[in-house]
């Protein structure tokens, strides 16, 4: 084993070493903790403002046990935590900021290996992105899904929020019942119980090989979540000794595996934008076509909401993600290296499926259509995404008149207007909710259907925007339109009554307006005035890349490595 990074601090002689060690000892640290053993950072996104991660103090203690058992020295440190449910205007605005916090915290401190504790949607990609830019031995532990809720004899999860909202709007449930359901849903620690973005991210890190097997599905309330944390603490010490860095795991094959596995489990469309950003940091070439290419022939194997019927907790009892991976062994890169030093195929060899209602086979899947479909055309020259497994099949090929909302405020102001010219054939278009336009690319793409259509039994329309939607959402929703409206994309030029044609089987999305007419409209187009001139948000608007590139900052692409160039002592 080569000289550890931490010895550039704790192994120094004279005044410098004295300072580094003495101030650490004021926490009651024995002298032998600085004898050259690996120092393991525990990057913790615990916060009471991030309810999904509120149990991470306990997980950190389990990690520490494992680190000590393996002969390492654990040091826990905080970074910015992004709680999806509370943070405004949207957690995605701060994903890149949190990644910078993670990157600089790791590089600047005497850390030889790092364990990333992440759960809520953006905490996972931000931590992985930041760690990739340093590229030291890294292992991820997810917080785990909450147990499914129970309300009036029915299992419920986050996807039911949209159903409850529609039922309340229609008067099918009253306010007391609505509040009652609210108290029944998030009844334990952990992130969303369905295959939303948080569960998709947990699946992503296991599929990439960045976590121990079974990390994705163990419920947060299950003591086995603490066990895998302790085992992860042991393993990260060994990874430091082996110099098993992120770049050795995050190969092109790992990314292809992640795309295929995401298709099989019906993962969130947010997977696209986060995986692109991670690839950009570690230096692996990845583009929008890869998501279409590697998921196109993968059927839906996991019967999980919102694409199916069950919950993450049920997936764990049915065999967990290794059971799904084993079903896919004939299409995956089975030799792709994982953090335990084995290939992803070897990690699933002993997996079993205990419930075929939850995990299907490649020959008998739950749905033939899955994954992420990428559509292009004059409305989205750089691509847009749709999740076929959560869409209405009859709307996957559709032509209709646009009902346009210029901003999210415009949508809220007019959606329930009885005079709104909208019917079951319409296509709803929402502009200026992309990376620059919101700013931050909010999860508002799955616009609610107006009450007057719900009363007619219409529960889905084609909806198009440059924003995102929650992984817990569903519907025929086209997202991540690139270029976005605020960046001058043709989406900005759509007018009420324009015909739009969507053809998912042929991967097209077109605005039926001539180039000449679009040129005329562009001459009169003015970008919305954000009126933001200072601070991080101003920097974000100036430097954020478009959705098809991962919405990372242009100056954050690639990595700076782990070397600290200056020494202050």
Protein backbone atom coordinates (compact mmCIF):
# COMPACT_ATOMS: atom_id res chain seq x y z
CA UNK A 1 0.00 0.00 0.00
CA UNK A 2 1.33 3.41 -0.97
CA UNK A 3 1.63 6.24 1.52
CA UNK A 4 -1.82 7.34 2.61
CA UNK A 5 -3.13 10.85 1.90
CA UNK A 6 -3.79 11.34 5.60
CA UNK A 7 -0.11 10.95 6.40
CA UNK A 8 0.50 14.26 4.63
CA UNK A 9 -1.21 15.68 7.72
CA UNK A 10 -0.86 13.28 10.63
CA UNK A 11 2.48 11.74 9.65
CA UNK A 12 4.38 15.02 9.64
CA UNK A 13 7.14 15.80 12.13
CA UNK A 14 7.69 18.98 14.07
CA UNK A 15 5.27 21.91 14.34
CA UNK A 16 3.03 20.92 11.46
CA UNK A 17 2.34 17.40 12.70
CA UNK A 18 1.94 18.74 16.24
CA UNK A 19 -0.82 21.10 15.10
CA UNK A 20 -2.68 18.52 13.01
CA UNK A 21 -2.68 15.88 15.75
CA UNK A 22 -3.05 18.07 18.84
CA UNK A 23 -6.28 19.72 17.78
CA UNK A 24 -7.82 16.37 16.80
CA UNK A 25 -6.91 15.04 20.23
CA UNK A 26 -9.18 17.56 21.93
CA UNK A 27 -12.00 15.18 20.96
CA UNK A 28 -10.47 12.42 23.07
CA UNK A 29 -8.66 10.67 20.23
CA UNK A 30 -5.84 8.29 21.30
CA UNK A 31 -2.39 8.78 19.80
CA UNK A 32 -2.46 5.43 17.98
CA UNK A 33 -5.27 6.63 15.71
CA UNK A 34 -2.57 8.63 13.90
CA UNK A 35 -0.13 5.73 13.46
CA UNK A 36 -0.66 5.39 9.72
CA UNK A 37 -3.98 3.56 9.66
CA UNK A 38 -6.50 4.60 6.96
CA UNK A 39 -8.61 7.63 7.82
CA UNK A 40 -12.15 7.14 6.58
CA UNK A 41 -14.42 10.11 6.03
CA UNK A 42 -18.14 9.61 6.60
CA UNK A 43 -19.89 12.20 4.48
CA UNK A 44 -23.22 12.68 6.21
CA UNK A 45 -26.29 14.43 4.78
CA UNK A 46 -28.20 14.12 8.05
CA UNK A 47 -30.55 17.02 8.61
CA UNK A 48 -33.89 17.54 10.29
CA UNK A 49 -34.77 19.59 7.21
CA UNK A 50 -34.20 16.45 5.13
CA UNK A 51 -36.70 14.06 6.75
CA UNK A 52 -35.67 11.17 4.46
CA UNK A 53 -32.16 11.34 5.98
CA UNK A 54 -33.10 12.07 9.58
CA UNK A 55 -31.91 8.63 10.76
CA UNK A 56 -28.39 9.00 9.38
CA UNK A 57 -26.75 9.64 12.75
CA UNK A 58 -27.50 6.01 13.64
CA UNK A 59 -26.18 4.76 10.30
CA UNK A 60 -22.99 6.77 10.78
CA UNK A 61 -22.39 5.06 14.13
CA UNK A 62 -22.75 1.66 12.44
CA UNK A 63 -20.23 2.69 9.78
CA UNK A 64 -17.79 3.78 12.49
CA UNK A 65 -18.02 0.38 14.16
CA UNK A 66 -17.06 -1.30 10.91
CA UNK A 67 -14.19 1.11 10.27
CA UNK A 68 -12.74 0.52 13.74
CA UNK A 69 -13.13 -3.26 13.36
CA UNK A 70 -11.11 -3.17 10.11
CA UNK A 71 -8.34 -1.09 11.65
CA UNK A 72 -9.30 2.32 10.30
CA UNK A 73 -10.03 5.66 11.93
CA UNK A 74 -13.48 7.14 11.08
CA UNK A 75 -14.16 10.86 10.93
CA UNK A 76 -17.70 12.06 10.29
CA UNK A 77 -18.32 15.36 8.55
CA UNK A 78 -21.42 17.23 7.33
CA UNK A 79 -22.17 18.65 3.92
CA UNK A 80 -25.12 20.58 2.53
CA UNK A 81 -28.23 18.41 2.68
CA UNK A 82 -30.99 18.70 0.10
CA UNK A 83 -34.45 17.80 1.37
CA UNK A 84 -36.76 17.39 -1.61
CA UNK A 85 -39.97 18.09 0.27
CA UNK A 86 -39.02 21.41 1.88
CA UNK A 87 -36.28 23.20 -0.03
CA UNK A 88 -37.32 26.01 -2.38
CA UNK A 89 -37.47 26.79 -5.22
CA UNK A 90 -36.29 23.23 -5.99
CA UNK A 91 -33.61 20.90 -4.63
CA UNK A 92 -32.21 20.48 -8.14
CA UNK A 93 -31.05 24.10 -8.09
CA UNK A 94 -28.63 23.18 -5.31
CA UNK A 95 -27.46 19.76 -6.50
CA UNK A 96 -24.35 21.25 -8.11
CA UNK A 97 -23.65 23.44 -5.07
CA UNK A 98 -23.82 20.43 -2.76
CA UNK A 99 -21.50 18.53 -5.10
CA UNK A 100 -18.95 21.34 -4.78
CA UNK A 101 -19.25 21.15 -0.99
CA UNK A 102 -18.62 17.41 -1.11
CA UNK A 103 -15.70 17.66 -3.52
CA UNK A 104 -13.87 20.36 -1.61
CA UNK A 105 -14.58 18.81 1.81
CA UNK A 106 -13.04 15.51 0.72
CA UNK A 107 -10.03 16.98 -1.07
CA UNK A 108 -9.18 19.54 1.59
CA UNK A 109 -9.11 17.13 4.51
CA UNK A 110 -6.95 14.15 5.62
CA UNK A 111 -9.23 11.48 4.18
CA UNK A 112 -8.01 8.26 2.54
CA UNK A 113 -11.41 6.80 1.70
CA UNK A 114 -14.95 8.04 2.04
CA UNK A 115 -18.37 6.58 2.79
CA UNK A 116 -21.25 8.60 1.35
CA UNK A 117 -24.47 8.56 3.38
CA UNK A 118 -27.25 9.61 1.04
CA UNK A 119 -30.95 9.01 0.61
CA UNK A 120 -33.25 11.83 -0.46
CA UNK A 121 -33.33 12.43 -4.21
CA UNK A 122 -30.51 14.93 -4.84
CA UNK A 123 -28.24 13.89 -1.97
CA UNK A 124 -27.18 10.77 -3.88
CA UNK A 125 -26.11 12.32 -7.20
CA UNK A 126 -24.57 15.38 -5.54
CA UNK A 127 -22.41 13.23 -3.24
CA UNK A 128 -21.37 10.86 -6.02
CA UNK A 129 -20.61 13.76 -8.39
CA UNK A 130 -18.44 15.48 -5.80
CA UNK A 131 -16.61 12.28 -4.89
CA UNK A 132 -15.97 11.52 -8.58
CA UNK A 133 -14.17 14.83 -8.94
CA UNK A 134 -11.71 13.73 -6.22
CA UNK A 135 -11.53 10.02 -7.14
CA UNK A 136 -10.41 8.32 -3.95
CA UNK A 137 -11.81 4.96 -2.68
CA UNK A 138 -15.52 5.60 -2.17
CA UNK A 139 -18.47 3.50 -1.03
CA UNK A 140 -22.14 4.55 -0.97
CA UNK A 141 -24.78 3.69 1.63
CA UNK A 142 -28.38 4.66 0.92
CA UNK A 143 -30.77 5.49 3.72
CA UNK A 144 -33.37 2.99 2.58
CA UNK A 145 -37.06 3.33 1.74
CA UNK A 146 -39.69 3.95 4.39
CA UNK A 147 -42.15 1.16 5.07
CA UNK A 148 -45.31 1.40 3.01
CA UNK A 149 -48.18 3.32 4.52
CA UNK A 150 -51.61 1.95 5.38
CA UNK A 151 -54.87 3.88 5.00
CA UNK A 152 -58.36 2.41 5.29
CA UNK A 153 -57.25 -1.10 4.39
CA UNK A 154 -55.03 -0.01 1.50
CA UNK A 155 -51.24 0.07 1.13
CA UNK A 156 -50.17 3.59 0.13
CA UNK A 157 -46.98 5.40 -0.87
CA UNK A 158 -45.85 8.66 -2.38
CA UNK A 159 -47.40 7.96 -5.79
CA UNK A 160 -50.79 8.08 -4.07
CA UNK A 161 -50.28 11.77 -3.32
CA UNK A 162 -51.33 12.53 -6.91
CA UNK A 163 -54.35 10.22 -6.61
CA UNK A 164 -55.40 11.74 -3.30
CA UNK A 165 -55.07 15.23 -4.77
CA UNK A 166 -57.36 14.33 -7.69
CA UNK A 167 -59.87 12.60 -5.40
CA UNK A 168 -59.95 15.62 -3.09
CA UNK A 169 -60.43 17.96 -6.07
CA UNK A 170 -63.38 15.84 -7.22
CA UNK A 171 -64.90 15.65 -3.73
CA UNK A 172 -64.40 11.88 -3.53
CA UNK A 173 -62.61 12.32 -0.20
CA UNK A 174 -63.10 15.16 2.26
CA UNK A 175 -60.48 17.30 3.98
CA UNK A 176 -60.53 15.18 7.14
CA UNK A 177 -59.82 12.03 5.11
CA UNK A 178 -57.13 13.86 3.15
CA UNK A 179 -55.34 14.84 6.37
CA UNK A 180 -55.86 11.37 7.79
CA UNK A 181 -54.12 9.85 4.76
CA UNK A 182 -51.31 12.36 5.20
CA UNK A 183 -50.61 10.95 8.65
CA UNK A 184 -50.71 7.36 7.44
CA UNK A 185 -48.30 7.56 4.53
CA UNK A 186 -44.83 8.56 5.80
CA UNK A 187 -45.02 6.47 8.96
CA UNK A 188 -41.37 5.47 9.35
CA UNK A 189 -37.94 6.88 8.68
CA UNK A 190 -36.58 6.60 5.14
CA UNK A 191 -37.18 7.93 1.66
CA UNK A 192 -40.21 7.35 -0.60
CA UNK A 193 -41.54 3.80 -0.45
CA UNK A 194 -42.12 3.57 -4.21
CA UNK A 195 -39.68 3.50 -7.15
CA UNK A 196 -39.39 7.29 -7.09
CA UNK A 197 -36.19 9.19 -7.64
CA UNK A 198 -34.68 8.34 -4.24
CA UNK A 199 -35.18 4.59 -4.79
CA UNK A 200 -33.98 5.01 -8.38
CA UNK A 201 -30.79 6.63 -7.09
CA UNK A 202 -30.29 3.84 -4.54
CA UNK A 203 -30.73 1.33 -7.36
CA UNK A 204 -28.37 3.34 -9.55
CA UNK A 205 -25.47 3.21 -7.09
CA UNK A 206 -25.89 -0.53 -6.59
CA UNK A 207 -26.13 -1.06 -10.36
CA UNK A 208 -22.98 1.03 -10.88
CA UNK A 209 -21.16 -1.11 -8.34
CA UNK A 210 -20.73 1.68 -5.76
CA UNK A 211 -22.50 -0.09 -2.89
CA UNK A 212 -22.57 -3.53 -1.33
CA UNK A 213 -25.22 -5.90 -2.71
CA UNK A 214 -28.78 -5.33 -1.45
CA UNK A 215 -28.11 -1.71 -0.56
CA UNK A 216 -30.98 -0.42 -2.72
CA UNK A 217 -34.00 -2.08 -1.16
CA UNK A 218 -33.40 -2.73 2.56
CA UNK A 219 -36.04 -0.62 4.36
CA UNK A 220 -34.71 2.17 6.54
CA UNK A 221 -36.53 0.76 9.56
CA UNK A 222 -35.02 -2.72 9.09
CA UNK A 223 -32.00 -3.41 11.33
CA UNK A 224 -30.28 -4.95 8.31
CA UNK A 225 -29.77 -1.37 7.09
CA UNK A 226 -27.47 -0.91 10.09
CA UNK A 227 -25.77 -4.22 9.35
CA UNK A 228 -24.93 -3.26 5.76
CA UNK A 229 -23.63 0.07 7.09
CA UNK A 230 -21.28 -1.70 9.49
CA UNK A 231 -20.10 -4.06 6.75
CA UNK A 232 -19.55 -1.06 4.49
CA UNK A 233 -17.38 0.50 7.20
CA UNK A 234 -15.22 -2.62 7.20
CA UNK A 235 -15.04 -2.77 3.43
CA UNK A 236 -13.99 0.84 2.81
CA UNK A 237 -10.84 0.25 4.85
CA UNK A 238 -9.95 -2.67 2.60
CA UNK A 239 -10.73 -0.57 -0.48
CA UNK A 240 -8.16 2.00 0.67
CA UNK A 241 -5.55 -0.74 1.06
CA UNK A 242 -6.40 -2.00 -2.44
CA UNK A 243 -6.48 1.54 -3.88
CA UNK A 244 -9.88 0.71 -5.38
CA UNK A 245 -10.89 4.18 -6.56
CA UNK A 246 -14.10 5.36 -8.22
CA UNK A 247 -12.55 5.55 -11.68
CA UNK A 248 -11.72 1.82 -11.52
CA UNK A 249 -15.39 0.99 -10.87
CA UNK A 250 -17.17 3.61 -12.96
CA UNK A 251 -16.30 2.25 -16.39
CA UNK A 252 -18.38 2.54 -19.53
CA UNK A 253 -19.69 -0.98 -18.85
CA UNK A 254 -20.90 0.09 -15.39
CA UNK A 255 -22.91 2.93 -16.90
CA UNK A 256 -24.44 0.63 -19.51
CA UNK A 257 -25.43 -1.80 -16.73
CA UNK A 258 -27.04 1.01 -14.77
CA UNK A 259 -29.15 2.07 -17.77
CA UNK A 260 -30.37 -1.49 -18.39
CA UNK A 261 -31.14 -2.11 -14.72
CA UNK A 262 -32.95 1.22 -14.46
CA UNK A 263 -35.19 0.11 -17.32
CA UNK A 264 -35.94 -3.21 -15.64
CA UNK A 265 -37.01 -1.60 -12.37
CA UNK A 266 -39.00 1.26 -13.93
CA UNK A 267 -36.71 3.98 -12.58
CA UNK A 268 -37.35 7.70 -12.60
CA UNK A 269 -36.70 9.96 -15.60
CA UNK A 270 -34.46 11.92 -13.23
CA UNK A 271 -32.02 9.02 -13.58
CA UNK A 272 -31.02 10.43 -16.98
CA UNK A 273 -29.97 13.86 -15.83
CA UNK A 274 -28.06 12.56 -12.81
CA UNK A 275 -26.24 9.73 -14.58
CA UNK A 276 -25.15 12.13 -17.33
CA UNK A 277 -23.73 14.47 -14.70
CA UNK A 278 -21.87 11.65 -12.92
CA UNK A 279 -20.41 10.44 -16.22
CA UNK A 280 -19.26 13.97 -16.98
CA UNK A 281 -17.40 14.15 -13.68
CA UNK A 282 -15.63 10.78 -13.93
CA UNK A 283 -14.83 11.24 -17.63
CA UNK A 284 -16.94 8.52 -19.28
CA UNK A 285 -18.57 9.40 -22.60
CA UNK A 286 -22.35 9.12 -22.24
CA UNK A 287 -25.14 10.73 -24.23
CA UNK A 288 -28.92 10.72 -24.57
CA UNK A 289 -28.90 8.03 -27.26
CA UNK A 290 -27.28 5.61 -24.82
CA UNK A 291 -30.36 5.68 -22.59
CA UNK A 292 -32.57 4.75 -25.52
CA UNK A 293 -30.16 2.19 -26.96
CA UNK A 294 -29.45 0.25 -23.78
CA UNK A 295 -32.97 0.29 -22.35
CA UNK A 296 -34.96 -0.25 -25.56
CA UNK A 297 -35.03 -4.05 -25.40
CA UNK A 298 -35.26 -4.36 -21.61
CA UNK A 299 -38.76 -5.16 -20.31
CA UNK A 300 -40.16 -4.11 -16.93
CA UNK A 301 -39.17 -6.83 -14.44
CA UNK A 302 -39.97 -5.11 -11.14
CA UNK A 303 -43.67 -4.62 -10.44
CA UNK A 304 -43.22 -1.43 -8.43
CA UNK A 305 -45.20 1.78 -8.23
CA UNK A 306 -45.60 4.07 -10.12
CA UNK A 307 -45.13 1.74 -13.13
CA UNK A 308 -46.58 -1.27 -11.26
CA UNK A 309 -48.32 -2.18 -8.02
CA UNK A 310 -45.85 -2.86 -5.20
CA UNK A 311 -43.31 -1.04 -3.03
CA UNK A 312 -39.56 -1.07 -2.40
CA UNK A 313 -40.10 -2.95 0.85
CA UNK A 314 -41.82 -5.71 -1.16
CA UNK A 315 -38.89 -5.84 -3.59
CA UNK A 316 -36.52 -6.51 -0.70
CA UNK A 317 -38.65 -9.38 0.60
CA UNK A 318 -38.90 -10.76 -2.95
CA UNK A 319 -35.11 -11.00 -3.28
CA UNK A 320 -33.91 -7.42 -3.62
CA UNK A 321 -32.05 -5.89 -6.53
CA UNK A 322 -29.64 -8.88 -6.82
CA UNK A 323 -32.66 -11.00 -7.80
CA UNK A 324 -33.49 -8.59 -10.62
CA UNK A 325 -29.85 -8.47 -11.71
CA UNK A 326 -29.69 -12.28 -11.83
CA UNK A 327 -32.71 -12.33 -14.16
CA UNK A 328 -30.77 -9.97 -16.45
CA UNK A 329 -27.47 -11.85 -16.46
CA UNK A 330 -27.65 -12.62 -20.18
CA UNK A 331 -27.69 -8.92 -21.13
CA UNK A 332 -25.48 -7.30 -18.49
CA UNK A 333 -21.72 -6.83 -18.29
CA UNK A 334 -21.36 -9.35 -15.48
CA UNK A 335 -17.65 -8.73 -14.96
CA UNK A 336 -18.13 -5.04 -14.16
CA UNK A 337 -16.22 -4.43 -10.93
CA UNK A 338 -18.03 -3.44 -7.72
CA UNK A 339 -16.85 -2.09 -4.38
CA UNK A 340 -16.57 -5.53 -2.81
CA UNK A 341 -13.99 -6.48 -5.44
CA UNK A 342 -16.30 -8.85 -7.28
CA UNK A 343 -18.18 -8.51 -10.55
CA UNK A 344 -21.83 -7.53 -10.46
CA UNK A 345 -22.75 -10.93 -11.87
CA UNK A 346 -20.91 -12.81 -9.12
CA UNK A 347 -22.69 -10.70 -6.50
CA UNK A 348 -26.07 -11.96 -7.69
CA UNK A 349 -25.22 -15.63 -8.30
CA UNK A 350 -26.88 -16.84 -5.11
CA UNK A 351 -29.87 -14.50 -5.36
CA UNK A 352 -33.36 -16.00 -5.47
CA UNK A 353 -36.78 -14.66 -6.40
CA UNK A 354 -39.26 -15.36 -3.63
CA UNK A 355 -42.31 -13.70 -5.18
CA UNK A 356 -43.00 -13.75 -8.91
CA UNK A 357 -45.76 -11.18 -8.43
CA UNK A 358 -42.98 -8.66 -7.78
CA UNK A 359 -39.99 -9.80 -9.85
CA UNK A 360 -40.71 -11.13 -13.33
CA UNK A 361 -38.48 -12.75 -15.92
CA UNK A 362 -37.08 -11.50 -19.20
CA UNK A 363 -39.41 -13.96 -20.96
CA UNK A 364 -42.49 -13.12 -18.86
CA UNK A 365 -42.13 -9.48 -17.75
CA UNK A 366 -44.80 -7.21 -16.30
CA UNK A 367 -44.61 -4.84 -19.24
CA UNK A 368 -42.77 -5.01 -22.53
CA UNK A 369 -42.18 -1.24 -22.59
CA UNK A 370 -39.86 0.20 -20.00
CA UNK A 371 -36.83 2.38 -19.56
CA UNK A 372 -36.43 5.86 -20.92
CA UNK A 373 -37.45 6.79 -24.45
CA UNK A 374 -35.65 9.76 -26.01
CA UNK A 375 -37.69 11.73 -28.55
CA UNK A 376 -36.37 14.36 -30.92
CA UNK A 377 -37.70 16.79 -33.49
CA UNK A 378 -37.98 20.52 -34.05
CA UNK A 379 -39.51 20.91 -30.59
CA UNK A 380 -36.57 19.13 -28.93
CA UNK A 381 -33.52 19.12 -31.24
CA UNK A 382 -31.27 17.94 -28.40
CA UNK A 383 -33.82 15.48 -27.09
CA UNK A 384 -36.54 15.07 -24.49
CA UNK A 385 -37.44 12.06 -22.36
CA UNK A 386 -40.55 10.07 -21.53
CA UNK A 387 -41.08 7.02 -19.32
CA UNK A 388 -43.20 4.56 -21.32
CA UNK A 389 -43.93 2.25 -18.39
CA UNK A 390 -45.73 5.08 -16.54
CA UNK A 391 -47.56 6.46 -19.59
CA UNK A 392 -50.94 5.73 -21.17
CA UNK A 393 -50.34 3.44 -24.18
CA UNK A 394 -53.04 5.11 -26.28
CA UNK A 395 -51.29 8.48 -25.94
CA UNK A 396 -47.84 7.30 -26.98
CA UNK A 397 -48.73 8.29 -30.52
CA UNK A 398 -50.80 11.45 -30.39
CA UNK A 399 -51.50 14.68 -32.26
CA UNK A 400 -53.25 17.57 -30.58
CA UNK A 401 -53.58 21.30 -30.10
CA UNK A 402 -51.27 22.99 -27.63
CA UNK A 403 -52.61 24.62 -24.48
CA UNK A 404 -49.69 26.82 -23.48
CA UNK A 405 -48.59 28.04 -20.06
CA UNK A 406 -45.72 30.51 -20.19
CA UNK A 407 -44.62 29.96 -16.58
CA UNK A 408 -45.61 27.82 -13.63
CA UNK A 409 -47.40 30.86 -12.19
CA UNK A 410 -49.41 31.16 -15.41
CA UNK A 411 -50.35 27.49 -15.09
CA UNK A 412 -51.57 27.88 -11.50
CA UNK A 413 -53.52 31.03 -12.40
CA UNK A 414 -55.42 29.50 -15.34
CA UNK A 415 -55.61 25.72 -14.97
CA UNK A 416 -59.01 25.80 -13.25
CA UNK A 417 -60.44 28.61 -15.36
CA UNK A 418 -63.76 27.23 -16.65
CA UNK A 419 -63.15 29.06 -19.94
CA UNK A 420 -59.78 27.37 -20.52
CA UNK A 421 -59.89 25.93 -24.04
CA UNK A 422 -58.83 22.35 -23.28
CA UNK A 423 -60.25 18.91 -23.97
CA UNK A 424 -59.15 15.27 -23.89
CA UNK A 425 -57.25 15.68 -27.16
CA UNK A 426 -55.21 18.70 -26.03
CA UNK A 427 -51.49 18.75 -25.32
CA UNK A 428 -50.46 20.79 -22.29
CA UNK A 429 -47.23 22.78 -22.74
CA UNK A 430 -45.34 24.38 -19.86
CA UNK A 431 -42.42 26.72 -20.59
CA UNK A 432 -39.64 28.31 -18.56
CA UNK A 433 -39.23 25.59 -15.94
CA UNK A 434 -35.86 24.32 -17.21
CA UNK A 435 -32.38 24.69 -15.69
CA UNK A 436 -32.11 28.41 -16.43
CA UNK A 437 -35.78 29.29 -16.62
CA UNK A 438 -37.04 28.23 -13.21
CA UNK A 439 -34.10 28.34 -12.25
CA UNK A 440 -33.16 24.82 -11.24
CA UNK A 441 -35.48 22.69 -13.38
CA UNK A 442 -38.36 22.01 -11.03
CA UNK A 443 -40.47 18.85 -10.77
CA UNK A 444 -43.59 20.41 -12.26
CA UNK A 445 -43.74 18.66 -15.63
CA UNK A 446 -46.57 16.32 -14.67
CA UNK A 447 -49.08 19.17 -14.55
CA UNK A 448 -52.35 18.37 -12.84
CA UNK A 449 -55.38 17.83 -15.08
CA UNK A 450 -58.11 20.50 -14.75
CA UNK A 451 -61.14 19.55 -12.68
CA UNK A 452 -63.55 19.90 -15.59
CA UNK A 453 -61.70 17.11 -17.44
CA UNK A 454 -61.34 14.92 -14.36
CA UNK A 455 -65.12 15.11 -13.95
CA UNK A 456 -65.43 13.72 -17.49
CA UNK A 457 -63.18 10.79 -16.57
CA UNK A 458 -60.04 12.17 -18.25
CA UNK A 459 -57.04 11.34 -16.06
CA UNK A 460 -54.16 11.72 -18.51
CA UNK A 461 -53.12 14.11 -21.26
CA UNK A 462 -49.88 14.49 -23.16
CA UNK A 463 -47.87 17.04 -21.20
CA UNK A 464 -44.65 18.64 -22.46
CA UNK A 465 -42.15 20.84 -20.61
CA UNK A 466 -38.50 21.70 -20.16
CA UNK A 467 -38.81 20.75 -16.49
CA UNK A 468 -38.71 17.46 -14.63
CA UNK A 469 -41.23 15.40 -12.71
CA UNK A 470 -41.04 13.49 -9.47
CA UNK A 471 -40.07 9.87 -9.89
CA UNK A 472 -43.21 9.07 -7.91
CA UNK A 473 -45.33 10.67 -10.63
CA UNK A 474 -46.89 9.07 -13.68
CA UNK A 475 -48.66 9.91 -16.92
CA UNK A 476 -47.78 10.61 -20.55
CA UNK A 477 -45.29 13.32 -19.70
CA UNK A 478 -42.51 14.53 -22.00
CA UNK A 479 -39.74 16.13 -19.97
CA UNK A 480 -36.28 17.74 -20.16
CA UNK A 481 -37.00 19.40 -23.53
CA UNK A 482 -33.65 20.71 -24.77
CA UNK A 483 -32.86 23.46 -25.53
CA UNK A 484 -35.17 24.89 -22.87
CA UNK A 485 -37.47 27.85 -23.48
CA UNK A 486 -35.35 30.27 -21.45
CA UNK A 487 -32.33 29.37 -23.58
CA UNK A 488 -34.16 30.14 -26.82
CA UNK A 489 -35.34 26.66 -27.72
CA UNK A 490 -38.33 26.28 -30.04
CA UNK A 491 -40.41 25.41 -26.98
CA UNK A 492 -40.38 29.15 -26.28
CA UNK A 493 -42.19 29.79 -29.58
CA UNK A 494 -45.16 27.45 -29.13
CA UNK A 495 -48.53 29.22 -29.17
CA UNK A 496 -52.03 28.18 -28.15
CA UNK A 497 -53.65 26.17 -30.89
CA UNK A 498 -50.42 24.98 -32.54
CA UNK A 499 -50.53 21.32 -33.44
CA UNK A 500 -47.92 19.07 -31.86
CA UNK A 501 -47.31 15.44 -32.80
CA UNK A 502 -45.76 12.91 -30.44
CA UNK A 503 -44.69 9.52 -31.79
CA UNK A 504 -42.83 7.61 -29.09
CA UNK A 505 -42.46 4.37 -31.11
CA UNK A 506 -40.63 6.38 -33.79
CA UNK A 507 -38.97 8.66 -31.20
CA UNK A 508 -40.24 11.97 -32.62
CA UNK A 509 -41.68 15.15 -31.14
CA UNK A 510 -42.60 17.87 -33.61
CA UNK A 511 -44.25 21.25 -33.61
CA UNK A 512 -46.29 21.52 -36.81
CA UNK A 513 -45.25 25.08 -37.56
CA UNK A 514 -43.10 26.04 -40.55
CA UNK A 515 -39.53 27.19 -40.17
CA UNK A 516 -40.56 30.52 -41.72
CA UNK A 517 -43.24 31.07 -39.09
CA UNK A 518 -40.88 30.09 -36.30
CA UNK A 519 -38.32 32.61 -37.61
CA UNK A 520 -40.97 35.35 -37.48
CA UNK A 521 -41.92 34.42 -33.92
CA UNK A 522 -38.29 34.34 -32.84
CA UNK A 523 -37.80 37.95 -33.90
CA UNK A 524 -40.45 38.96 -31.36
CA UNK A 525 -39.31 36.59 -28.61
CA UNK A 526 -37.81 37.96 -25.42
CA UNK A 527 -36.32 35.72 -22.72
CA UNK A 528 -37.97 36.05 -19.33
CA UNK A 529 -36.24 38.50 -17.01
CA UNK A 530 -34.92 36.48 -14.07
CA UNK A 531 -33.75 39.64 -12.27
CA UNK A 532 -31.09 37.63 -10.43
CA UNK A 533 -27.72 39.36 -10.25
CA UNK A 534 -25.89 37.98 -7.24
CA UNK A 535 -24.83 34.87 -5.37
CA UNK A 536 -24.93 31.21 -6.24
CA UNK A 537 -28.16 31.41 -8.24
CA UNK A 538 -26.66 34.03 -10.55
CA UNK A 539 -23.61 31.81 -11.06
CA UNK A 540 -25.87 28.82 -11.67
CA UNK A 541 -27.86 30.56 -14.42
CA UNK A 542 -24.68 31.67 -16.17
CA UNK A 543 -22.92 28.31 -16.06
CA UNK A 544 -25.52 25.51 -15.94
CA UNK A 545 -25.56 23.26 -18.98
CA UNK A 546 -28.71 22.05 -20.69
CA UNK A 547 -30.60 18.94 -19.64
CA UNK A 548 -29.17 16.69 -22.37
CA UNK A 549 -25.71 17.29 -20.87
CA UNK A 550 -26.77 16.58 -17.28
CA UNK A 551 -27.43 20.17 -16.09
CA UNK A 552 -24.04 20.31 -14.39
CA UNK A 553 -22.01 23.52 -14.33
CA UNK A 554 -19.72 23.86 -17.30
CA UNK A 555 -16.70 24.51 -15.05
CA UNK A 556 -17.32 21.39 -12.93
CA UNK A 557 -16.92 18.82 -15.70
CA UNK A 558 -14.09 16.37 -15.13
CA UNK A 559 -12.08 16.08 -11.94
CA UNK A 560 -9.29 17.85 -10.09
CA UNK A 561 -8.10 14.76 -8.22
CA UNK A 562 -7.09 14.40 -4.59
CA UNK A 563 -3.86 16.40 -4.49
CA UNK A 564 -3.88 19.58 -2.42
CA UNK A 565 -1.62 22.00 -4.27
CA UNK A 566 -0.71 24.35 -1.38
CA UNK A 567 0.33 23.69 2.21
CA UNK A 568 -0.53 26.43 4.68
CA UNK A 569 1.84 25.33 7.47
